[in-house]
Amino acid sequence: MVGENAAEPRDMSGPVHVATPALARPGGHYSHAAVGGGLVFIAGQLPITPEGERLADAAFEAQVAQALANVQAALLAAGSGIDKLLQMRVYLDDIANWPAFDRIYAQWAGPSRPARAIVPTGPLHFGFKVEVEAMALA
């Protein structure tokens, strides 16, 4: 497993699974991120604090901010960053939240403009309003 804020030297013959104390422990059988072939794949990030607090009752904007902070923490732990993002996939419980998401996302992403999909889903796990997954260069 890779450490907290930077990728350790890795054997490029297979994937490296990333875990970081900057994020809550995964709630299932998966890694925060996986690195292989020069790419970083970030698992779907929910609005859960590093201490494990689920923000399902928080305002939409607070949920988005936490989910994006989690994406950034996973990127950093994998030795990547927002500037290396290639693709983002965003799941929203209500497409009416798209404009609010886009406003927060644009500020978070800054000059980075990865490919992105917004997927309206209806209810998400634990009553969350947003989930974000990403792919970036290592």
C-alpha atoms as a PDB file:
ATOM      1  CA  MET A   1       0.000   0.000   0.000  1.00  0.00           C
ATOM      2  CA  VAL A   2       1.121   3.513  -0.747  1.00  0.00           C
ATOM      3  CA  GLY A   3       1.561   6.034   2.059  1.00  0.00           C
ATOM      4  CA  GLU A   4      -0.220   9.178   3.141  1.00  0.00           C
ATOM      5  CA  ASN A   5       0.796  11.973   0.780  1.00  0.00           C
ATOM      6  CA  ALA A   6       3.083  10.598  -1.891  1.00  0.00           C
ATOM      7  CA  ALA A   7       3.464   7.425  -3.850  1.00  0.00           C
ATOM      8  CA  GLU A   8       6.266   5.128  -2.749  1.00  0.00           C
ATOM      9  CA  PRO A   9       8.579   3.659  -5.379  1.00  0.00           C
ATOM     10  CA  ARG A  10       6.603   0.942  -7.094  1.00  0.00           C
ATOM     11  CA  ASP A  11       7.116  -2.134  -9.187  1.00  0.00           C
ATOM     12  CA  MET A  12       5.577  -1.258 -12.553  1.00  0.00           C
ATOM     13  CA  SER A  13       4.769  -4.916 -13.295  1.00  0.00           C
ATOM     14  CA  GLY A  14       1.407  -4.720 -11.573  1.00  0.00           C
ATOM     15  CA  PRO A  15      -1.061  -2.369  -9.968  1.00  0.00           C
ATOM     16  CA  VAL A  16      -0.351  -0.576  -6.708  1.00  0.00           C
ATOM     17  CA  HIS A  17      -3.294  -0.171  -4.355  1.00  0.00           C
ATOM     18  CA  VAL A  18      -3.345   3.099  -2.451  1.00  0.00           C
ATOM     19  CA  ALA A  19      -4.594   3.641   1.082  1.00  0.00           C
ATOM     20  CA  THR A  20      -4.187   6.849   3.030  1.00  0.00           C
ATOM     21  CA  PRO A  21      -5.114   7.974   6.542  1.00  0.00           C
ATOM     22  CA  ALA A  22      -6.181  11.267   4.897  1.00  0.00           C
ATOM     23  CA  LEU A  23      -9.421   9.424   4.017  1.00  0.00           C
ATOM     24  CA  ALA A  24     -11.849   7.277   5.978  1.00  0.00           C
ATOM     25  CA  ARG A  25     -11.168   3.550   5.697  1.00  0.00           C
ATOM     26  CA  PRO A  26     -12.943   2.028   2.693  1.00  0.00           C
ATOM     27  CA  GLY A  27     -16.343   0.626   3.612  1.00  0.00           C
ATOM     28  CA  GLY A  28     -15.893  -2.385   1.362  1.00  0.00           C
ATOM     29  CA  HIS A  29     -13.315  -4.481  -0.453  1.00  0.00           C
ATOM     30  CA  TYR A  30     -11.603  -1.755  -2.488  1.00  0.00           C
ATOM     31  CA  SER A  31      -8.737   0.755  -2.354  1.00  0.00           C
ATOM     32  CA  HIS A  32      -8.958   4.546  -2.282  1.00  0.00           C
ATOM     33  CA  ALA A  33      -7.008   4.463  -5.540  1.00  0.00           C
ATOM     34  CA  ALA A  34      -5.110   2.102  -7.798  1.00  0.00           C
ATOM     35  CA  VAL A  35      -2.049   3.035  -9.841  1.00  0.00           C
ATOM     36  CA  GLY A  36      -0.869   1.184 -12.931  1.00  0.00           C
ATOM     37  CA  GLY A  37       0.306   1.820 -16.450  1.00  0.00           C
ATOM     38  CA  GLY A  38       1.047   5.453 -15.657  1.00  0.00           C
ATOM     39  CA  LEU A  39      -2.557   6.081 -14.609  1.00  0.00           C
ATOM     40  CA  VAL A  40      -4.306   6.669 -11.287  1.00  0.00           C
ATOM     41  CA  PHE A  41      -7.871   5.446 -10.794  1.00  0.00           C
ATOM     42  CA  ILE A  42      -9.705   7.044  -7.864  1.00  0.00           C
ATOM     43  CA  ALA A  43     -12.544   5.037  -6.339  1.00  0.00           C
ATOM     44  CA  GLY A  44     -15.908   6.757  -6.017  1.00  0.00           C
ATOM     45  CA  GLN A  45     -15.573   9.316  -3.237  1.00  0.00           C
ATOM     46  CA  LEU A  46     -18.533  10.104  -1.037  1.00  0.00           C
ATOM     47  CA  PRO A  47     -18.956  13.004   1.395  1.00  0.00           C
ATOM     48  CA  ILE A  48     -17.336  11.192   4.317  1.00  0.00           C
ATOM     49  CA  THR A  49     -14.773  12.985   6.488  1.00  0.00           C
ATOM     50  CA  PRO A  50     -11.341  11.454   7.164  1.00  0.00           C
ATOM     51  CA  GLU A  51     -12.667  10.593  10.645  1.00  0.00           C
ATOM     52  CA  GLY A  52     -15.500   8.572   9.081  1.00  0.00           C
ATOM     53  CA  GLU A  53     -18.358  11.040   9.618  1.00  0.00           C
ATOM     54  CA  ARG A  54     -21.011  10.628   6.928  1.00  0.00           C
ATOM     55  CA  LEU A  55     -22.289  14.011   5.770  1.00  0.00           C
ATOM     56  CA  ALA A  56     -25.586  12.702   4.343  1.00  0.00           C
ATOM     57  CA  ASP A  57     -27.572  15.320   6.268  1.00  0.00           C
ATOM     58  CA  ALA A  58     -25.266  18.195   5.262  1.00  0.00           C
ATOM     59  CA  ALA A  59     -26.184  20.742   2.589  1.00  0.00           C
ATOM     60  CA  PHE A  60     -25.458  19.739  -0.998  1.00  0.00           C
ATOM     61  CA  GLU A  61     -22.584  22.234  -1.223  1.00  0.00           C
ATOM     62  CA  ALA A  62     -20.897  20.786   1.877  1.00  0.00           C
ATOM     63  CA  GLN A  63     -21.268  17.273   0.476  1.00  0.00           C
ATOM     64  CA  VAL A  64     -19.663  18.315  -2.810  1.00  0.00           C
ATOM     65  CA  ALA A  65     -16.794  20.077  -1.041  1.00  0.00           C
ATOM     66  CA  GLN A  66     -16.046  16.962   1.047  1.00  0.00           C
ATOM     67  CA  ALA A  67     -16.282  14.548  -1.906  1.00  0.00           C
ATOM     68  CA  LEU A  68     -13.901  16.715  -3.952  1.00  0.00           C
ATOM     69  CA  ALA A  69     -11.516  17.079  -0.988  1.00  0.00           C
ATOM     70  CA  ASN A  70     -11.509  13.280  -0.805  1.00  0.00           C
ATOM     71  CA  VAL A  71     -10.670  13.005  -4.513  1.00  0.00           C
ATOM     72  CA  GLN A  72      -7.778  15.414  -3.991  1.00  0.00           C
ATOM     73  CA  ALA A  73      -6.502  13.474  -0.958  1.00  0.00           C
ATOM     74  CA  ALA A  74      -6.584  10.218  -2.933  1.00  0.00           C
ATOM     75  CA  LEU A  75      -4.785  11.852  -5.876  1.00  0.00           C
ATOM     76  CA  LEU A  76      -2.047  13.184  -3.583  1.00  0.00           C
ATOM     77  CA  ALA A  77      -1.653   9.820  -1.857  1.00  0.00           C
ATOM     78  CA  ALA A  78      -1.162   8.236  -5.279  1.00  0.00           C
ATOM     79  CA  GLY A  79       1.495  10.782  -6.253  1.00  0.00           C
ATOM     80  CA  SER A  80      -0.789  12.710  -8.591  1.00  0.00           C
ATOM     81  CA  GLY A  81      -2.847  15.892  -8.369  1.00  0.00           C
ATOM     82  CA  ILE A  82      -5.735  17.927  -9.743  1.00  0.00           C
ATOM     83  CA  ASP A  83      -3.478  19.198 -12.532  1.00  0.00           C
ATOM     84  CA  LYS A  84      -3.049  15.614 -13.789  1.00  0.00           C
ATOM     85  CA  LEU A  85      -6.753  14.738 -13.964  1.00  0.00           C
ATOM     86  CA  LEU A  86      -7.916  13.117 -17.191  1.00  0.00           C
ATOM     87  CA  GLN A  87     -11.534  12.267 -16.403  1.00  0.00           C
ATOM     88  CA  MET A  88     -14.142  12.796 -13.690  1.00  0.00           C
ATOM     89  CA  ARG A  89     -17.427  10.939 -13.340  1.00  0.00           C
ATOM     90  CA  VAL A  90     -19.971  12.572 -11.050  1.00  0.00           C
ATOM     91  CA  TYR A  91     -23.102  10.874  -9.751  1.00  0.00           C
ATOM     92  CA  LEU A  92     -25.858  13.215  -8.560  1.00  0.00           C
ATOM     93  CA  ASP A  93     -29.038  12.153  -6.808  1.00  0.00           C
ATOM     94  CA  ASP A  94     -30.886  15.015  -8.538  1.00  0.00           C
ATOM     95  CA  ILE A  95     -29.904  16.613 -11.848  1.00  0.00           C
ATOM     96  CA  ALA A  96     -31.288  19.913 -10.521  1.00  0.00           C
ATOM     97  CA  ASN A  97     -28.064  20.069  -8.428  1.00  0.00           C
ATOM     98  CA  TRP A  98     -25.891  20.221 -11.560  1.00  0.00           C
ATOM     99  CA  PRO A  99     -25.464  24.036 -11.631  1.00  0.00           C
ATOM    100  CA  ALA A 100     -24.445  24.142  -7.951  1.00  0.00           C
ATOM    101  CA  PHE A 101     -22.045  21.237  -8.481  1.00  0.00           C
ATOM    102  CA  ASP A 102     -20.498  22.880 -11.555  1.00  0.00           C
ATOM    103  CA  ARG A 103     -19.897  26.155  -9.679  1.00  0.00           C
ATOM    104  CA  ILE A 104     -18.109  24.404  -6.786  1.00  0.00           C
ATOM    105  CA  TYR A 105     -16.244  22.052  -9.127  1.00  0.00           C
ATOM    106  CA  ALA A 106     -14.953  24.885 -11.357  1.00  0.00           C
ATOM    107  CA  GLN A 107     -13.463  26.642  -8.330  1.00  0.00           C
ATOM    108  CA  TRP A 108     -11.944  23.367  -7.042  1.00  0.00           C
ATOM    109  CA  ALA A 109     -10.506  22.291 -10.414  1.00  0.00           C
ATOM    110  CA  GLY A 110      -9.132  25.720 -11.328  1.00  0.00           C
ATOM    111  CA  PRO A 111      -7.396  25.655 -14.715  1.00  0.00           C
ATOM    112  CA  SER A 112      -7.652  21.841 -14.933  1.00  0.00           C
ATOM    113  CA  ARG A 113     -10.380  20.810 -17.372  1.00  0.00           C
ATOM    114  CA  PRO A 114     -10.555  17.004 -17.429  1.00  0.00           C
ATOM    115  CA  ALA A 115     -13.202  15.204 -19.430  1.00  0.00           C
ATOM    116  CA  ARG A 116     -16.282  14.851 -17.240  1.00  0.00           C
ATOM    117  CA  ALA A 117     -19.627  13.097 -17.114  1.00  0.00           C
ATOM    118  CA  ILE A 118     -22.545  14.016 -14.879  1.00  0.00           C
ATOM    119  CA  VAL A 119     -24.769  11.002 -14.212  1.00  0.00           C
ATOM    120  CA  PRO A 120     -28.154  11.559 -12.562  1.00  0.00           C
ATOM    121  CA  THR A 121     -28.856   8.486 -10.458  1.00  0.00           C
ATOM    122  CA  GLY A 122     -31.696   9.013  -8.039  1.00  0.00           C
ATOM    123  CA  PRO A 123     -30.938   8.000  -4.439  1.00  0.00           C
ATOM    124  CA  LEU A 124     -27.301   7.232  -3.612  1.00  0.00           C
ATOM    125  CA  HIS A 125     -25.889   4.985  -0.880  1.00  0.00           C
ATOM    126  CA  PHE A 126     -26.520   6.188   2.705  1.00  0.00           C
ATOM    127  CA  GLY A 127     -28.678   9.047   1.377  1.00  0.00           C
ATOM    128  CA  PHE A 128     -25.742  10.991  -0.071  1.00  0.00           C
ATOM    129  CA  LYS A 129     -26.380  13.536  -2.812  1.00  0.00           C
ATOM    130  CA  VAL A 130     -23.072  13.161  -4.700  1.00  0.00           C
ATOM    131  CA  GLU A 131     -20.309  10.668  -5.483  1.00  0.00           C
ATOM    132  CA  VAL A 132     -17.206  11.441  -7.554  1.00  0.00           C
ATOM    133  CA  GLU A 133     -14.692   9.140  -9.225  1.00  0.00           C
ATOM    134  CA  ALA A 134     -11.656  10.134 -11.257  1.00  0.00           C
ATOM    135  CA  MET A 135      -8.794   9.049 -13.481  1.00  0.00           C
ATOM    136  CA  ALA A 136      -5.483  10.918 -13.669  1.00  0.00           C
ATOM    137  CA  LEU A 137      -1.898  10.597 -14.792  1.00  0.00           C
ATOM    138  CA  ALA A 138       0.439   9.174 -12.153  1.00  0.00           C
END
